[in-house]
Amino acid sequence: MDREIVIDRVVDAPRELVFEAFTEVRHLSQWWGPAGFSTTTRAFTFAEGGVWEFTMHGPDGTDYPEWITWTEIVPPERIALLHGESATDPNAFTSVLTFTAAKDKTWIEMRTVFPTKQLRDEAVERYGAIEGGRQTLNNLAAYVEK
C-alpha cells in the first residue's frame, strides 16, 4: 500500500515486558522517539479512548507538539492508535503495533497508515519517518533489555 510504512524489530525481552513499556508514561518517557529526542508529557491515560498529549524535543531544540489516542488495546498482543499534532489534526495517521512472542524474545511490528500517499511521502522525505521509526524501536529495545 502506498500510504503505509511498516517497521519491525526483534527485541531480546519477553512480550509482556515489551508491551508494558507502552502502558505507563514513566516508561515511555525513557525511550519514545528517535535518537536524541526527549519527551515532556502533558496528559496520559493508557486505555481505549485515552489520550497521551506530549511534546517531543528535537536535538536541535525544535519542539513538536504530539497527540495520541489509543483506539484498541489487547494486552499483550496489540495496540492501535491515532497520532497527530492535536485532536483536530486532519493529517493524523493510524498505527498498529503487534507484539509476537518468540520464545524469550518479542517480534514487534509497527504498521502506520497515512491519510494520503502525499502525507506518507512527506513523512518519509521531510521527517525521516522510516529511520525515525527504526530508531524509536531501537530505543525501546535498549530500554527493555537492560
Protein backbone atom coordinates (compact mmCIF):
# COMPACT_ATOMS: atom_id res chain seq x y z
CA MET A 1 0.00 0.00 0.00
CA ASP A 2 1.43 3.38 -0.98
CA ARG A 3 0.16 5.14 2.18
CA GLU A 4 1.88 2.75 4.59
CA ILE A 5 5.13 2.38 6.48
CA VAL A 6 5.96 -0.93 8.17
CA ILE A 7 8.87 -1.21 10.60
CA ASP A 8 9.69 -4.24 12.68
CA ARG A 9 12.33 -5.47 15.09
CA VAL A 10 13.10 -8.40 17.33
CA VAL A 11 13.58 -7.34 20.95
CA ASP A 12 15.54 -9.51 23.36
CA ALA A 13 12.90 -9.35 26.11
CA PRO A 14 9.62 -11.13 26.90
CA ARG A 15 6.46 -9.90 25.18
CA GLU A 16 4.75 -8.84 28.43
CA LEU A 17 7.71 -6.59 29.33
CA VAL A 18 7.87 -5.03 25.85
CA PHE A 19 4.12 -4.38 25.93
CA GLU A 20 4.37 -2.90 29.44
CA ALA A 21 6.86 -0.31 28.17
CA PHE A 22 3.87 1.31 26.36
CA THR A 23 1.49 1.29 29.33
CA GLU A 24 3.00 3.89 31.68
CA VAL A 25 4.37 7.34 30.95
CA ARG A 26 7.35 6.69 33.25
CA HIS A 27 8.42 4.01 30.76
CA LEU A 28 7.52 5.87 27.55
CA SER A 29 9.40 9.00 28.58
CA GLN A 30 12.59 6.92 28.82
CA TRP A 31 12.61 5.63 25.25
CA TRP A 32 9.95 7.21 22.98
CA GLY A 33 11.17 8.90 19.82
CA PRO A 34 14.19 8.85 17.55
CA ALA A 35 17.77 9.13 18.79
CA GLY A 36 18.48 12.44 20.52
CA PHE A 37 14.81 13.30 21.20
CA SER A 38 13.22 13.70 24.62
CA THR A 39 9.57 13.88 25.66
CA THR A 40 7.53 16.05 28.02
CA THR A 41 4.05 14.70 28.82
CA ARG A 42 1.08 16.98 29.48
CA ALA A 43 -1.60 14.26 29.85
CA PHE A 44 -1.55 10.45 29.78
CA THR A 45 -4.26 7.82 30.11
CA PHE A 46 -3.45 4.36 28.73
CA ALA A 47 -6.91 2.99 27.97
CA GLU A 48 -9.03 2.68 24.86
CA GLY A 49 -10.20 6.23 24.17
CA GLY A 50 -7.47 7.59 26.46
CA VAL A 51 -5.08 10.27 25.31
CA TRP A 52 -1.36 10.96 25.50
CA GLU A 53 -0.56 14.63 24.92
CA PHE A 54 3.15 15.39 24.80
CA THR A 55 5.91 17.46 23.25
CA MET A 56 8.87 15.86 21.56
CA HIS A 57 12.04 17.94 21.89
CA GLY A 58 14.42 17.52 18.97
CA PRO A 59 18.19 17.52 19.39
CA ASP A 60 18.29 20.89 17.57
CA GLY A 61 15.91 22.43 20.16
CA THR A 62 12.79 22.24 17.98
CA ASP A 63 9.60 21.29 19.87
CA TYR A 64 6.99 19.10 18.20
CA PRO A 65 3.52 19.02 19.80
CA GLU A 66 2.09 15.49 19.64
CA TRP A 67 -1.23 13.84 20.45
CA ILE A 68 -2.13 10.15 20.53
CA THR A 69 -5.40 8.44 21.33
CA TRP A 70 -5.40 4.72 21.96
CA THR A 71 -8.10 3.14 19.76
CA GLU A 72 -7.54 -0.52 20.67
CA ILE A 73 -5.56 -2.24 23.41
CA VAL A 74 -5.28 -6.04 23.55
CA PRO A 75 -2.65 -6.91 26.20
CA PRO A 76 -0.01 -8.08 25.45
CA GLU A 77 -0.66 -8.55 21.73
CA ARG A 78 -1.76 -5.34 20.06
CA ILE A 79 -2.04 -1.57 20.39
CA ALA A 80 -3.81 0.61 17.83
CA LEU A 81 -3.64 4.38 17.93
CA LEU A 82 -4.36 7.61 16.11
CA HIS A 83 -1.41 10.05 16.11
CA GLY A 84 -1.29 13.69 15.12
CA GLU A 85 -0.28 17.12 16.34
CA SER A 86 -3.63 17.56 18.10
CA ALA A 87 -7.09 16.01 18.39
CA THR A 88 -8.22 18.12 15.43
CA ASP A 89 -5.26 17.34 13.14
CA PRO A 90 -6.74 16.43 9.70
CA ASN A 91 -3.43 14.73 8.80
CA ALA A 92 -3.39 12.34 11.78
CA PHE A 93 -2.29 8.82 10.95
CA THR A 94 -3.06 5.41 12.40
CA SER A 95 -0.54 2.94 13.75
CA VAL A 96 -0.99 -0.65 14.83
CA LEU A 97 1.70 -2.28 16.94
CA THR A 98 1.71 -6.05 17.21
CA PHE A 99 3.77 -7.96 19.76
CA THR A 100 4.53 -11.59 18.91
CA ALA A 101 6.23 -13.85 21.43
CA ALA A 102 9.21 -15.77 20.05
CA LYS A 103 10.48 -17.85 22.99
CA ASP A 104 12.05 -15.27 25.34
CA LYS A 105 12.13 -12.56 22.64
CA THR A 106 9.46 -10.34 21.10
CA TRP A 107 8.88 -9.51 17.47
CA ILE A 108 7.29 -6.05 17.29
CA GLU A 109 5.76 -4.71 14.11
CA MET A 110 4.66 -1.09 13.73
CA ARG A 111 2.31 -0.60 10.78
CA THR A 112 1.47 3.06 10.08
CA VAL A 113 -1.10 4.22 7.53
CA PHE A 114 -1.34 7.86 6.44
CA PRO A 115 -4.49 9.51 5.04
CA THR A 116 -2.79 10.04 1.64
CA LYS A 117 0.28 8.89 -0.28
CA GLN A 118 1.47 12.52 -0.30
CA LEU A 119 1.42 12.68 3.52
CA ARG A 120 3.26 9.37 3.73
CA ASP A 121 5.91 10.56 1.28
CA GLU A 122 6.29 13.85 3.17
CA ALA A 123 6.74 11.98 6.45
CA VAL A 124 9.46 9.84 4.87
CA GLU A 125 11.28 12.55 2.89
CA ARG A 126 10.91 15.59 5.16
CA TYR A 127 10.80 13.99 8.62
CA GLY A 128 12.76 10.77 8.10
CA ALA A 129 9.85 8.64 9.33
CA ILE A 130 11.36 5.27 8.42
CA GLU A 131 14.71 5.91 10.08
CA GLY A 132 12.98 7.65 12.99
CA GLY A 133 10.71 4.63 13.47
CA ARG A 134 13.69 2.29 13.43
CA GLN A 135 15.50 4.46 15.99
CA THR A 136 12.38 4.51 18.19
CA LEU A 137 12.17 0.70 18.19
CA ASN A 138 15.93 0.54 18.87
CA ASN A 139 15.41 2.85 21.87
CA LEU A 140 12.57 0.63 23.09
CA ALA A 141 14.78 -2.46 22.75
CA ALA A 142 17.68 -0.83 24.63
CA TYR A 143 15.28 0.25 27.41
CA VAL A 144 13.61 -3.14 28.00
CA GLU A 145 16.77 -5.17 27.52
CA LYS A 146 18.55 -3.53 30.47
